[in-house]
Amino acid sequence: DFGLCGNLDTSLNFVADDQWRRIRNAFSPTFTSGRLKEMMPIINHYNEILEKNIQKKVENDEITDVEVIFSGYSLDVATSIAFSVNIDSVNHPNDLVVVHMKNFLRFKFFNPVLILAGKMSL
């Protein structure tokens, strides 16, 4: 027993036996090998863009925050796979979709989404 309470005690990392199988079966259709293979061309496309952006910054001796580069890459991949939206958050950081997605995904302790999720689990 890890002494966890609330939503963490039902995390896939900590549950066992029948509860683990139930949660795993709910997630399995999303992450089948076929679906992951369908995602690979999208991921590879953004890998190439990431590589070009890094190469351009190295050639221009630009100092940049690694978190900004990889968070942009992650955002591009996630929005493309989940929402079929093709954004270039590294080159267009002020795009309306980019700004709203970053605000939505930014973790804050008093985030209304987290508070609502916590109240719904009670």
PDB file of N, CA and C in Angstrom:
ATOM      1  N   ASP A   1       0.849  -1.180   0.000  1.00  0.00           N
ATOM      2  CA  ASP A   1       0.000   0.000   0.000  1.00  0.00           C
ATOM      3  C   ASP A   1       0.891   1.239   0.000  1.00  0.00           C
ATOM      4  N   PHE A   2       0.627   2.172  -0.914  1.00  0.00           N
ATOM      5  CA  PHE A   2       1.441   3.364  -1.055  1.00  0.00           C
ATOM      6  C   PHE A   2       0.904   4.536  -0.242  1.00  0.00           C
ATOM      7  N   GLY A   3      -0.238   4.339   0.402  1.00  0.00           N
ATOM      8  CA  GLY A   3      -0.808   5.421   1.183  1.00  0.00           C
ATOM      9  C   GLY A   3      -1.414   6.515   0.329  1.00  0.00           C
ATOM     10  N   LEU A   4      -1.785   6.185  -0.892  1.00  0.00           N
ATOM     11  CA  LEU A   4      -2.360   7.191  -1.777  1.00  0.00           C
ATOM     12  C   LEU A   4      -3.853   7.294  -1.544  1.00  0.00           C
ATOM     13  N   CYS A   5      -4.386   8.475  -1.782  1.00  0.00           N
ATOM     14  CA  CYS A   5      -5.822   8.652  -1.667  1.00  0.00           C
ATOM     15  C   CYS A   5      -6.293   9.516  -2.830  1.00  0.00           C
ATOM     16  N   GLY A   6      -7.584   9.612  -3.004  1.00  0.00           N
ATOM     17  CA  GLY A   6      -8.118  10.416  -4.089  1.00  0.00           C
ATOM     18  C   GLY A   6      -7.935   9.713  -5.418  1.00  0.00           C
ATOM     19  N   ASN A   7      -7.699  10.502  -6.464  1.00  0.00           N
ATOM     20  CA  ASN A   7      -7.595   9.958  -7.818  1.00  0.00           C
ATOM     21  C   ASN A   7      -6.346   9.112  -8.038  1.00  0.00           C
ATOM     22  N   LEU A   8      -5.280   9.362  -7.289  1.00  0.00           N
ATOM     23  CA  LEU A   8      -4.041   8.622  -7.504  1.00  0.00           C
ATOM     24  C   LEU A   8      -4.135   7.162  -7.089  1.00  0.00           C
ATOM     25  N   ASP A   9      -5.024   6.849  -6.169  1.00  0.00           N
ATOM     26  CA  ASP A   9      -5.112   5.453  -5.740  1.00  0.00           C
ATOM     27  C   ASP A   9      -5.715   4.556  -6.812  1.00  0.00           C
ATOM     28  N   THR A  10      -6.313   5.139  -7.840  1.00  0.00           N
ATOM     29  CA  THR A  10      -6.851   4.343  -8.947  1.00  0.00           C
ATOM     30  C   THR A  10      -6.015   4.507 -10.216  1.00  0.00           C
ATOM     31  N   SER A  11      -4.811   5.016 -10.077  1.00  0.00           N
ATOM     32  CA  SER A  11      -3.910   5.165 -11.214  1.00  0.00           C
ATOM     33  C   SER A  11      -3.482   3.791 -11.718  1.00  0.00           C
ATOM     34  N   LEU A  12      -3.302   3.683 -13.009  1.00  0.00           N
ATOM     35  CA  LEU A  12      -2.909   2.415 -13.621  1.00  0.00           C
ATOM     36  C   LEU A  12      -1.607   1.887 -13.036  1.00  0.00           C
ATOM     37  N   ASN A  13      -0.762   2.783 -12.550  1.00  0.00           N
ATOM     38  CA  ASN A  13       0.512   2.369 -11.957  1.00  0.00           C
ATOM     39  C   ASN A  13       0.353   1.691 -10.605  1.00  0.00           C
ATOM     40  N   PHE A  14      -0.763   1.921  -9.919  1.00  0.00           N
ATOM     41  CA  PHE A  14      -0.899   1.447  -8.549  1.00  0.00           C
ATOM     42  C   PHE A  14      -1.996   0.415  -8.321  1.00  0.00           C
ATOM     43  N   VAL A  15      -2.932   0.279  -9.243  1.00  0.00           N
ATOM     44  CA  VAL A  15      -4.018  -0.678  -9.034  1.00  0.00           C
ATOM     45  C   VAL A  15      -3.549  -2.090  -9.361  1.00  0.00           C
ATOM     46  N   ALA A  16      -4.300  -3.071  -8.916  1.00  0.00           N
ATOM     47  CA  ALA A  16      -3.905  -4.464  -9.125  1.00  0.00           C
ATOM     48  C   ALA A  16      -5.111  -5.305  -9.527  1.00  0.00           C
ATOM     49  N   ASP A  17      -4.810  -6.468 -10.050  1.00  0.00           N
ATOM     50  CA  ASP A  17      -5.776  -7.523 -10.323  1.00  0.00           C
ATOM     51  C   ASP A  17      -6.931  -7.061 -11.223  1.00  0.00           C
ATOM     52  N   ASP A  18      -8.170  -7.283 -10.767  1.00  0.00           N
ATOM     53  CA  ASP A  18      -9.327  -7.015 -11.611  1.00  0.00           C
ATOM     54  C   ASP A  18      -9.464  -5.536 -11.966  1.00  0.00           C
ATOM     55  N   GLN A  19      -9.145  -4.665 -11.041  1.00  0.00           N
ATOM     56  CA  GLN A  19      -9.240  -3.235 -11.326  1.00  0.00           C
ATOM     57  C   GLN A  19      -8.217  -2.834 -12.397  1.00  0.00           C
ATOM     58  N   TRP A  20      -7.014  -3.395 -12.326  1.00  0.00           N
ATOM     59  CA  TRP A  20      -5.987  -3.125 -13.340  1.00  0.00           C
ATOM     60  C   TRP A  20      -6.462  -3.608 -14.708  1.00  0.00           C
ATOM     61  N   ARG A  21      -7.023  -4.817 -14.777  1.00  0.00           N
ATOM     62  CA  ARG A  21      -7.513  -5.356 -16.046  1.00  0.00           C
ATOM     63  C   ARG A  21      -8.644  -4.503 -16.624  1.00  0.00           C
ATOM     64  N   ARG A  22      -9.532  -4.019 -15.766  1.00  0.00           N
ATOM     65  CA  ARG A  22     -10.643  -3.192 -16.230  1.00  0.00           C
ATOM     66  C   ARG A  22     -10.132  -1.876 -16.836  1.00  0.00           C
ATOM     67  N   ILE A  23      -9.217  -1.217 -16.141  1.00  0.00           N
ATOM     68  CA  ILE A  23      -8.662   0.043 -16.639  1.00  0.00           C
ATOM     69  C   ILE A  23      -7.852  -0.202 -17.907  1.00  0.00           C
ATOM     70  N   ARG A  24      -7.044  -1.247 -17.915  1.00  0.00           N
ATOM     71  CA  ARG A  24      -6.225  -1.563 -19.085  1.00  0.00           C
ATOM     72  C   ARG A  24      -7.098  -1.839 -20.300  1.00  0.00           C
ATOM     73  N   ASN A  25      -8.188  -2.568 -20.129  1.00  0.00           N
ATOM     74  CA  ASN A  25      -9.090  -2.854 -21.242  1.00  0.00           C
ATOM     75  C   ASN A  25      -9.755  -1.598 -21.783  1.00  0.00           C
ATOM     76  N   ALA A  26      -9.960  -0.611 -20.932  1.00  0.00           N
ATOM     77  CA  ALA A  26     -10.527   0.651 -21.399  1.00  0.00           C
ATOM     78  C   ALA A  26      -9.528   1.419 -22.263  1.00  0.00           C
ATOM     79  N   PHE A  27      -8.236   1.345 -21.919  1.00  0.00           N
ATOM     80  CA  PHE A  27      -7.215   2.075 -22.663  1.00  0.00           C
ATOM     81  C   PHE A  27      -6.674   1.313 -23.865  1.00  0.00           C
ATOM     82  N   SER A  28      -6.734   0.010 -23.849  1.00  0.00           N
ATOM     83  CA  SER A  28      -6.118  -0.804 -24.893  1.00  0.00           C
ATOM     84  C   SER A  28      -6.543  -0.454 -26.312  1.00  0.00           C
ATOM     85  N   PRO A  29      -7.831  -0.195 -26.586  1.00  0.00           N
ATOM     86  CA  PRO A  29      -8.203   0.131 -27.969  1.00  0.00           C
ATOM     87  C   PRO A  29      -7.521   1.394 -28.506  1.00  0.00           C
ATOM     88  N   THR A  30      -7.152   2.293 -27.624  1.00  0.00           N
ATOM     89  CA  THR A  30      -6.493   3.531 -28.047  1.00  0.00           C
ATOM     90  C   THR A  30      -5.056   3.289 -28.462  1.00  0.00           C
ATOM     91  N   PHE A  31      -4.390   2.351 -27.808  1.00  0.00           N
ATOM     92  CA  PHE A  31      -2.969   2.156 -28.028  1.00  0.00           C
ATOM     93  C   PHE A  31      -2.651   0.792 -28.638  1.00  0.00           C
ATOM     94  N   THR A  32      -3.438   0.366 -29.606  1.00  0.00           N
ATOM     95  CA  THR A  32      -3.134  -0.877 -30.303  1.00  0.00           C
ATOM     96  C   THR A  32      -1.938  -0.640 -31.210  1.00  0.00           C
ATOM     97  N   SER A  33      -1.280  -1.714 -31.615  1.00  0.00           N
ATOM     98  CA  SER A  33      -0.118  -1.554 -32.496  1.00  0.00           C
ATOM     99  C   SER A  33      -0.535  -0.921 -33.817  1.00  0.00           C
ATOM    100  N   GLY A  34      -1.725  -1.232 -34.294  1.00  0.00           N
ATOM    101  CA  GLY A  34      -2.207  -0.635 -35.540  1.00  0.00           C
ATOM    102  C   GLY A  34      -2.391   0.867 -35.428  1.00  0.00           C
ATOM    103  N   ARG A  35      -2.955   1.311 -34.323  1.00  0.00           N
ATOM    104  CA  ARG A  35      -3.164   2.753 -34.126  1.00  0.00           C
ATOM    105  C   ARG A  35      -1.833   3.476 -33.942  1.00  0.00           C
ATOM    106  N   LEU A  36      -0.914   2.844 -33.213  1.00  0.00           N
ATOM    107  CA  LEU A  36       0.404   3.464 -33.044  1.00  0.00           C
ATOM    108  C   LEU A  36       1.127   3.560 -34.387  1.00  0.00           C
ATOM    109  N   LYS A  37       0.965   2.549 -35.243  1.00  0.00           N
ATOM    110  CA  LYS A  37       1.574   2.597 -36.578  1.00  0.00           C
ATOM    111  C   LYS A  37       0.966   3.722 -37.402  1.00  0.00           C
ATOM    112  N   GLU A  38      -0.333   3.982 -37.230  1.00  0.00           N
ATOM    113  CA  GLU A  38      -0.973   5.095 -37.936  1.00  0.00           C
ATOM    114  C   GLU A  38      -0.444   6.440 -37.450  1.00  0.00           C
ATOM    115  N   MET A  39      -0.045   6.518 -36.196  1.00  0.00           N
ATOM    116  CA  MET A  39       0.467   7.769 -35.629  1.00  0.00           C
ATOM    117  C   MET A  39       1.906   8.058 -36.072  1.00  0.00           C
ATOM    118  N   MET A  40       2.648   7.032 -36.424  1.00  0.00           N
ATOM    119  CA  MET A  40       4.073   7.202 -36.704  1.00  0.00           C
ATOM    120  C   MET A  40       4.375   8.200 -37.825  1.00  0.00           C
ATOM    121  N   PRO A  41       3.649   8.225 -38.951  1.00  0.00           N
ATOM    122  CA  PRO A  41       3.955   9.246 -39.963  1.00  0.00           C
ATOM    123  C   PRO A  41       3.780  10.675 -39.442  1.00  0.00           C
ATOM    124  N   ILE A  42       2.791  10.884 -38.594  1.00  0.00           N
ATOM    125  CA  ILE A  42       2.586  12.216 -38.009  1.00  0.00           C
ATOM    126  C   ILE A  42       3.747  12.566 -37.085  1.00  0.00           C
ATOM    127  N   ILE A  43       4.132  11.621 -36.237  1.00  0.00           N
ATOM    128  CA  ILE A  43       5.244  11.842 -35.308  1.00  0.00           C
ATOM    129  C   ILE A  43       6.538  12.082 -36.089  1.00  0.00           C
ATOM    130  N   ASN A  44       6.776  11.294 -37.125  1.00  0.00           N
ATOM    131  CA  ASN A  44       7.979  11.473 -37.943  1.00  0.00           C
ATOM    132  C   ASN A  44       7.989  12.827 -38.644  1.00  0.00           C
ATOM    133  N   HIS A  45       6.830  13.290 -39.095  1.00  0.00           N
ATOM    134  CA  HIS A  45       6.733  14.607 -39.733  1.00  0.00           C
ATOM    135  C   HIS A  45       7.198  15.696 -38.763  1.00  0.00           C
ATOM    136  N   TYR A  46       6.712  15.638 -37.531  1.00  0.00           N
ATOM    137  CA  TYR A  46       7.101  16.644 -36.548  1.00  0.00           C
ATOM    138  C   TYR A  46       8.531  16.441 -36.052  1.00  0.00           C
ATOM    139  N   ASN A  47       9.043  15.206 -36.122  1.00  0.00           N
ATOM    140  CA  ASN A  47      10.462  14.983 -35.818  1.00  0.00           C
ATOM    141  C   ASN A  47      11.341  15.738 -36.802  1.00  0.00           C
ATOM    142  N   GLU A  48      10.974  15.685 -38.088  1.00  0.00           N
ATOM    143  CA  GLU A  48      11.742  16.397 -39.117  1.00  0.00           C
ATOM    144  C   GLU A  48      11.702  17.904 -38.888  1.00  0.00           C
ATOM    145  N   ILE A  49      10.537  18.425 -38.541  1.00  0.00           N
ATOM    146  CA  ILE A  49      10.421  19.861 -38.257  1.00  0.00           C
ATOM    147  C   ILE A  49      11.261  20.229 -37.041  1.00  0.00           C
ATOM    148  N   LEU A  50      11.210  19.391 -36.004  1.00  0.00           N
ATOM    149  CA  LEU A  50      12.009  19.627 -34.806  1.00  0.00           C
ATOM    150  C   LEU A  50      13.493  19.661 -35.147  1.00  0.00           C
ATOM    151  N   GLU A  51      13.929  18.685 -35.932  1.00  0.00           N
ATOM    152  CA  GLU A  51      15.340  18.620 -36.323  1.00  0.00           C
ATOM    153  C   GLU A  51      15.760  19.859 -37.105  1.00  0.00           C
ATOM    154  N   LYS A  52      14.925  20.323 -38.021  1.00  0.00           N
ATOM    155  CA  LYS A  52      15.240  21.523 -38.806  1.00  0.00           C
ATOM    156  C   LYS A  52      15.303  22.756 -37.917  1.00  0.00           C
ATOM    157  N   ASN A  53      14.381  22.865 -36.969  1.00  0.00           N
ATOM    158  CA  ASN A  53      14.390  24.020 -36.061  1.00  0.00           C
ATOM    159  C   ASN A  53      15.638  24.044 -35.196  1.00  0.00           C
ATOM    160  N   ILE A  54      16.020  22.889 -34.689  1.00  0.00           N
ATOM    161  CA  ILE A  54      17.242  22.818 -33.870  1.00  0.00           C
ATOM    162  C   ILE A  54      18.464  23.129 -34.717  1.00  0.00           C
ATOM    163  N   GLN A  55      18.530  22.559 -35.914  1.00  0.00           N
ATOM    164  CA  GLN A  55      19.671  22.813 -36.808  1.00  0.00           C
ATOM    165  C   GLN A  55      19.784  24.295 -37.150  1.00  0.00           C
ATOM    166  N   LYS A  56      18.649  24.944 -37.399  1.00  0.00           N
ATOM    167  CA  LYS A  56      18.651  26.373 -37.724  1.00  0.00           C
ATOM    168  C   LYS A  56      19.172  27.189 -36.550  1.00  0.00           C
ATOM    169  N   LYS A  57      18.768  26.825 -35.341  1.00  0.00           N
ATOM    170  CA  LYS A  57      19.224  27.557 -34.155  1.00  0.00           C
ATOM    171  C   LYS A  57      20.721  27.343 -33.914  1.00  0.00           C
ATOM    172  N   VAL A  58      21.221  26.137 -34.186  1.00  0.00           N
ATOM    173  CA  VAL A  58      22.648  25.851 -34.029  1.00  0.00           C
ATOM    174  C   VAL A  58      23.450  26.641 -35.052  1.00  0.00           C
ATOM    175  N   GLU A  59      22.989  26.655 -36.307  1.00  0.00           N
ATOM    176  CA  GLU A  59      23.704  27.386 -37.363  1.00  0.00           C
ATOM    177  C   GLU A  59      23.748  28.877 -37.085  1.00  0.00           C
ATOM    178  N   ASN A  60      22.696  29.420 -36.472  1.00  0.00           N
ATOM    179  CA  ASN A  60      22.644  30.857 -36.175  1.00  0.00           C
ATOM    180  C   ASN A  60      23.186  31.194 -34.791  1.00  0.00           C
ATOM    181  N   ASP A  61      23.777  30.203 -34.113  1.00  0.00           N
ATOM    182  CA  ASP A  61      24.316  30.388 -32.766  1.00  0.00           C
ATOM    183  C   ASP A  61      23.294  31.017 -31.815  1.00  0.00           C
ATOM    184  N   GLU A  62      22.036  30.625 -31.969  1.00  0.00           N
ATOM    185  CA  GLU A  62      20.982  31.127 -31.094  1.00  0.00           C
ATOM    186  C   GLU A  62      20.966  30.341 -29.799  1.00  0.00           C
ATOM    187  N   ILE A  63      20.784  31.057 -28.727  1.00  0.00           N
ATOM    188  CA  ILE A  63      20.602  30.411 -27.435  1.00  0.00           C
ATOM    189  C   ILE A  63      19.095  30.343 -27.207  1.00  0.00           C
ATOM    190  N   THR A  64      18.621  29.157 -26.931  1.00  0.00           N
ATOM    191  CA  THR A  64      17.184  28.992 -26.740  1.00  0.00           C
ATOM    192  C   THR A  64      16.913  28.022 -25.601  1.00  0.00           C
ATOM    193  N   ASP A  65      15.733  28.108 -25.077  1.00  0.00           N
ATOM    194  CA  ASP A  65      15.306  27.260 -23.986  1.00  0.00           C
ATOM    195  C   ASP A  65      14.858  25.912 -24.562  1.00  0.00           C
ATOM    196  N   VAL A  66      15.461  24.834 -24.096  1.00  0.00           N
ATOM    197  CA  VAL A  66      15.133  23.493 -24.578  1.00  0.00           C
ATOM    198  C   VAL A  66      13.671  23.166 -24.279  1.00  0.00           C
ATOM    199  N   GLU A  67      13.181  23.635 -23.151  1.00  0.00           N
ATOM    200  CA  GLU A  67      11.784  23.381 -22.788  1.00  0.00           C
ATOM    201  C   GLU A  67      10.840  23.974 -23.826  1.00  0.00           C
ATOM    202  N   VAL A  68      11.151  25.156 -24.338  1.00  0.00           N
ATOM    203  CA  VAL A  68      10.303  25.797 -25.338  1.00  0.00           C
ATOM    204  C   VAL A  68      10.270  24.962 -26.623  1.00  0.00           C
ATOM    205  N   ILE A  69      11.427  24.474 -27.036  1.00  0.00           N
ATOM    206  CA  ILE A  69      11.500  23.685 -28.265  1.00  0.00           C
ATOM    207  C   ILE A  69      10.710  22.387 -28.123  1.00  0.00           C
ATOM    208  N   PHE A  70      10.949  21.660 -27.050  1.00  0.00           N
ATOM    209  CA  PHE A  70      10.302  20.349 -26.903  1.00  0.00           C
ATOM    210  C   PHE A  70       8.838  20.455 -26.477  1.00  0.00           C
ATOM    211  N   SER A  71       8.472  21.507 -25.770  1.00  0.00           N
ATOM    212  CA  SER A  71       7.047  21.674 -25.460  1.00  0.00           C
ATOM    213  C   SER A  71       6.277  22.008 -26.732  1.00  0.00           C
ATOM    214  N   GLY A  72       6.900  22.796 -27.619  1.00  0.00           N
ATOM    215  CA  GLY A  72       6.272  23.079 -28.913  1.00  0.00           C
ATOM    216  C   GLY A  72       6.118  21.823 -29.750  1.00  0.00           C
ATOM    217  N   TYR A  73       7.159  21.010 -29.759  1.00  0.00           N
ATOM    218  CA  TYR A  73       7.109  19.728 -30.480  1.00  0.00           C
ATOM    219  C   TYR A  73       5.996  18.840 -29.926  1.00  0.00           C
ATOM    220  N   SER A  74       5.942  18.713 -28.609  1.00  0.00           N
ATOM    221  CA  SER A  74       4.916  17.876 -27.970  1.00  0.00           C
ATOM    222  C   SER A  74       3.516  18.393 -28.265  1.00  0.00           C
ATOM    223  N   LEU A  75       3.359  19.706 -28.213  1.00  0.00           N
ATOM    224  CA  LEU A  75       2.059  20.308 -28.499  1.00  0.00           C
ATOM    225  C   LEU A  75       1.649  20.056 -29.945  1.00  0.00           C
ATOM    226  N   ASP A  76       2.589  20.206 -30.869  1.00  0.00           N
ATOM    227  CA  ASP A  76       2.295  19.961 -32.286  1.00  0.00           C
ATOM    228  C   ASP A  76       1.868  18.518 -32.527  1.00  0.00           C
ATOM    229  N   VAL A  77       2.592  17.571 -31.951  1.00  0.00           N
ATOM    230  CA  VAL A  77       2.266  16.146 -32.129  1.00  0.00           C
ATOM    231  C   VAL A  77       0.911  15.838 -31.505  1.00  0.00           C
ATOM    232  N   ALA A  78       0.693  16.295 -30.278  1.00  0.00           N
ATOM    233  CA  ALA A  78      -0.555  15.977 -29.575  1.00  0.00           C
ATOM    234  C   ALA A  78      -1.771  16.575 -30.273  1.00  0.00           C
ATOM    235  N   THR A  79      -1.692  17.836 -30.695  1.00  0.00           N
ATOM    236  CA  THR A  79      -2.843  18.450 -31.355  1.00  0.00           C
ATOM    237  C   THR A  79      -3.092  17.827 -32.719  1.00  0.00           C
ATOM    238  N   SER A  80      -2.026  17.438 -33.391  1.00  0.00           N
ATOM    239  CA  SER A  80      -2.202  16.811 -34.696  1.00  0.00           C
ATOM    240  C   SER A  80      -2.845  15.435 -34.580  1.00  0.00           C
ATOM    241  N   ILE A  81      -2.393  14.640 -33.623  1.00  0.00           N
ATOM    242  CA  ILE A  81      -2.938  13.288 -33.442  1.00  0.00           C
ATOM    243  C   ILE A  81      -4.341  13.341 -32.833  1.00  0.00           C
ATOM    244  N   ALA A  82      -4.525  14.137 -31.800  1.00  0.00           N
ATOM    245  CA  ALA A  82      -5.801  14.135 -31.088  1.00  0.00           C
ATOM    246  C   ALA A  82      -6.896  14.920 -31.793  1.00  0.00           C
ATOM    247  N   PHE A  83      -6.534  16.052 -32.418  1.00  0.00           N
ATOM    248  CA  PHE A  83      -7.546  16.942 -32.972  1.00  0.00           C
ATOM    249  C   PHE A  83      -7.436  17.138 -34.482  1.00  0.00           C
ATOM    250  N   SER A  84      -6.456  16.498 -35.126  1.00  0.00           N
ATOM    251  CA  SER A  84      -6.217  16.668 -36.566  1.00  0.00           C
ATOM    252  C   SER A  84      -5.999  18.133 -36.934  1.00  0.00           C
ATOM    253  N   VAL A  85      -5.325  18.853 -36.046  1.00  0.00           N
ATOM    254  CA  VAL A  85      -5.022  20.257 -36.275  1.00  0.00           C
ATOM    255  C   VAL A  85      -3.529  20.376 -36.516  1.00  0.00           C
ATOM    256  N   ASN A  86      -3.169  20.960 -37.634  1.00  0.00           N
ATOM    257  CA  ASN A  86      -1.765  21.116 -37.986  1.00  0.00           C
ATOM    258  C   ASN A  86      -1.314  22.527 -37.600  1.00  0.00           C
ATOM    259  N   ILE A  87      -0.646  22.637 -36.448  1.00  0.00           N
ATOM    260  CA  ILE A  87      -0.128  23.931 -36.002  1.00  0.00           C
ATOM    261  C   ILE A  87       1.390  23.844 -35.951  1.00  0.00           C
ATOM    262  N   ASP A  88       2.017  24.975 -36.071  1.00  0.00           N
ATOM    263  CA  ASP A  88       3.473  25.048 -35.965  1.00  0.00           C
ATOM    264  C   ASP A  88       3.780  25.968 -34.793  1.00  0.00           C
ATOM    265  N   SER A  89       3.696  25.418 -33.602  1.00  0.00           N
ATOM    266  CA  SER A  89       3.788  26.243 -32.402  1.00  0.00           C
ATOM    267  C   SER A  89       5.173  26.848 -32.186  1.00  0.00           C
ATOM    268  N   VAL A  90       6.210  26.234 -32.735  1.00  0.00           N
ATOM    269  CA  VAL A  90       7.555  26.783 -32.569  1.00  0.00           C
ATOM    270  C   VAL A  90       7.704  28.056 -33.389  1.00  0.00           C
ATOM    271  N   ASN A  91       7.228  28.033 -34.629  1.00  0.00           N
ATOM    272  CA  ASN A  91       7.360  29.197 -35.507  1.00  0.00           C
ATOM    273  C   ASN A  91       6.208  30.187 -35.379  1.00  0.00           C
ATOM    274  N   HIS A  92       5.105  29.770 -34.759  1.00  0.00           N
ATOM    275  CA  HIS A  92       3.941  30.646 -34.575  1.00  0.00           C
ATOM    276  C   HIS A  92       3.462  30.572 -33.126  1.00  0.00           C
ATOM    277  N   PRO A  93       4.291  31.028 -32.175  1.00  0.00           N
ATOM    278  CA  PRO A  93       3.937  30.881 -30.763  1.00  0.00           C
ATOM    279  C   PRO A  93       2.746  31.733 -30.329  1.00  0.00           C
ATOM    280  N   ASN A  94       2.387  32.754 -31.106  1.00  0.00           N
ATOM    281  CA  ASN A  94       1.271  33.621 -30.731  1.00  0.00           C
ATOM    282  C   ASN A  94      -0.021  33.265 -31.445  1.00  0.00           C
ATOM    283  N   ASP A  95      -0.016  32.170 -32.198  1.00  0.00           N
ATOM    284  CA  ASP A  95      -1.231  31.703 -32.847  1.00  0.00           C
ATOM    285  C   ASP A  95      -2.282  31.424 -31.781  1.00  0.00           C
ATOM    286  N   LEU A  96      -3.536  31.760 -32.065  1.00  0.00           N
ATOM    287  CA  LEU A  96      -4.608  31.636 -31.087  1.00  0.00           C
ATOM    288  C   LEU A  96      -4.752  30.213 -30.557  1.00  0.00           C
ATOM    289  N   VAL A  97      -4.652  29.220 -31.434  1.00  0.00           N
ATOM    290  CA  VAL A  97      -4.769  27.825 -31.001  1.00  0.00           C
ATOM    291  C   VAL A  97      -3.620  27.467 -30.063  1.00  0.00           C
ATOM    292  N   VAL A  98      -2.418  27.899 -30.392  1.00  0.00           N
ATOM    293  CA  VAL A  98      -1.241  27.602 -29.572  1.00  0.00           C
ATOM    294  C   VAL A  98      -1.394  28.228 -28.183  1.00  0.00           C
ATOM    295  N   VAL A  99      -1.785  29.467 -28.140  1.00  0.00           N
ATOM    296  CA  VAL A  99      -1.931  30.164 -26.859  1.00  0.00           C
ATOM    297  C   VAL A  99      -2.972  29.470 -25.988  1.00  0.00           C
ATOM    298  N   HIS A 100      -4.119  29.121 -26.569  1.00  0.00           N
ATOM    299  CA  HIS A 100      -5.176  28.484 -25.777  1.00  0.00           C
ATOM    300  C   HIS A 100      -4.784  27.075 -25.331  1.00  0.00           C
ATOM    301  N   MET A 101      -4.121  26.314 -26.192  1.00  0.00           N
ATOM    302  CA  MET A 101      -3.700  24.966 -25.808  1.00  0.00           C
ATOM    303  C   MET A 101      -2.657  25.022 -24.695  1.00  0.00           C
ATOM    304  N   LYS A 102      -1.712  25.951 -24.788  1.00  0.00           N
ATOM    305  CA  LYS A 102      -0.708  26.080 -23.730  1.00  0.00           C
ATOM    306  C   LYS A 102      -1.354  26.471 -22.410  1.00  0.00           C
ATOM    307  N   ASN A 103      -2.317  27.382 -22.468  1.00  0.00           N
ATOM    308  CA  ASN A 103      -3.010  27.784 -21.237  1.00  0.00           C
ATOM    309  C   ASN A 103      -3.804  26.630 -20.658  1.00  0.00           C
ATOM    310  N   PHE A 104      -4.430  25.844 -21.509  1.00  0.00           N
ATOM    311  CA  PHE A 104      -5.225  24.712 -21.041  1.00  0.00           C
ATOM    312  C   PHE A 104      -4.337  23.651 -20.404  1.00  0.00           C
ATOM    313  N   LEU A 105      -3.171  23.409 -20.988  1.00  0.00           N
ATOM    314  CA  LEU A 105      -2.294  22.341 -20.519  1.00  0.00           C
ATOM    315  C   LEU A 105      -1.365  22.756 -19.385  1.00  0.00           C
ATOM    316  N   ARG A 106      -1.252  24.043 -19.125  1.00  0.00           N
ATOM    317  CA  ARG A 106      -0.366  24.522 -18.062  1.00  0.00           C
ATOM    318  C   ARG A 106      -0.912  24.062 -16.722  1.00  0.00           C
ATOM    319  N   PHE A 107      -0.043  23.439 -15.944  1.00  0.00           N
ATOM    320  CA  PHE A 107      -0.464  22.918 -14.643  1.00  0.00           C
ATOM    321  C   PHE A 107      -0.434  24.032 -13.606  1.00  0.00           C
ATOM    322  N   LYS A 108      -1.550  24.217 -12.944  1.00  0.00           N
ATOM    323  CA  LYS A 108      -1.647  25.153 -11.832  1.00  0.00           C
ATOM    324  C   LYS A 108      -2.353  24.429 -10.703  1.00  0.00           C
ATOM    325  N   PHE A 109      -1.903  24.665  -9.506  1.00  0.00           N
ATOM    326  CA  PHE A 109      -2.504  23.985  -8.360  1.00  0.00           C
ATOM    327  C   PHE A 109      -3.988  24.319  -8.227  1.00  0.00           C
ATOM    328  N   PHE A 110      -4.343  25.578  -8.496  1.00  0.00           N
ATOM    329  CA  PHE A 110      -5.739  25.998  -8.377  1.00  0.00           C
ATOM    330  C   PHE A 110      -6.407  26.075  -9.743  1.00  0.00           C
ATOM    331  N   ASN A 111      -6.039  25.185 -10.639  1.00  0.00           N
ATOM    332  CA  ASN A 111      -6.630  25.114 -11.964  1.00  0.00           C
ATOM    333  C   ASN A 111      -8.100  24.706 -11.837  1.00  0.00           C
ATOM    334  N   PRO A 112      -9.023  25.470 -12.443  1.00  0.00           N
ATOM    335  CA  PRO A 112     -10.443  25.123 -12.338  1.00  0.00           C
ATOM    336  C   PRO A 112     -10.761  23.720 -12.859  1.00  0.00           C
ATOM    337  N   VAL A 113     -10.037  23.266 -13.870  1.00  0.00           N
ATOM    338  CA  VAL A 113     -10.269  21.920 -14.402  1.00  0.00           C
ATOM    339  C   VAL A 113      -9.924  20.877 -13.341  1.00  0.00           C
ATOM    340  N   LEU A 114      -8.815  21.065 -12.621  1.00  0.00           N
ATOM    341  CA  LEU A 114      -8.429  20.131 -11.574  1.00  0.00           C
ATOM    342  C   LEU A 114      -9.400  20.170 -10.399  1.00  0.00           C
ATOM    343  N   ILE A 115      -9.849  21.352 -10.052  1.00  0.00           N
ATOM    344  CA  ILE A 115     -10.803  21.480  -8.949  1.00  0.00           C
ATOM    345  C   ILE A 115     -12.114  20.786  -9.312  1.00  0.00           C
ATOM    346  N   LEU A 116     -12.588  21.010 -10.546  1.00  0.00           N
ATOM    347  CA  LEU A 116     -13.821  20.365 -11.005  1.00  0.00           C
ATOM    348  C   LEU A 116     -13.661  18.854 -11.031  1.00  0.00           C
ATOM    349  N   ALA A 117     -12.526  18.369 -11.528  1.00  0.00           N
ATOM    350  CA  ALA A 117     -12.290  16.924 -11.579  1.00  0.00           C
ATOM    351  C   ALA A 117     -12.253  16.324 -10.168  1.00  0.00           C
ATOM    352  N   GLY A 118     -11.662  17.046  -9.239  1.00  0.00           N
ATOM    353  CA  GLY A 118     -11.611  16.582  -7.857  1.00  0.00           C
ATOM    354  C   GLY A 118     -12.987  16.526  -7.213  1.00  0.00           C
ATOM    355  N   LYS A 119     -13.821  17.535  -7.496  1.00  0.00           N
ATOM    356  CA  LYS A 119     -15.169  17.542  -6.944  1.00  0.00           C
ATOM    357  C   LYS A 119     -16.034  16.446  -7.559  1.00  0.00           C
ATOM    358  N   MET A 120     -15.804  16.141  -8.837  1.00  0.00           N
ATOM    359  CA  MET A 120     -16.597  15.112  -9.504  1.00  0.00           C
ATOM    360  C   MET A 120     -16.250  13.716  -8.967  1.00  0.00           C
ATOM    361  N   SER A 121     -15.026  13.559  -8.463  1.00  0.00           N
ATOM    362  CA  SER A 121     -14.628  12.233  -7.965  1.00  0.00           C
ATOM    363  C   SER A 121     -15.130  11.968  -6.545  1.00  0.00           C
ATOM    364  N   LEU A 122     -15.626  13.003  -5.874  1.00  0.00           N
ATOM    365  CA  LEU A 122     -16.114  12.824  -4.498  1.00  0.00           C
ATOM    366  C   LEU A 122     -17.420  12.114  -4.436  1.00  0.00           C
TER     367      LEU A 122
END
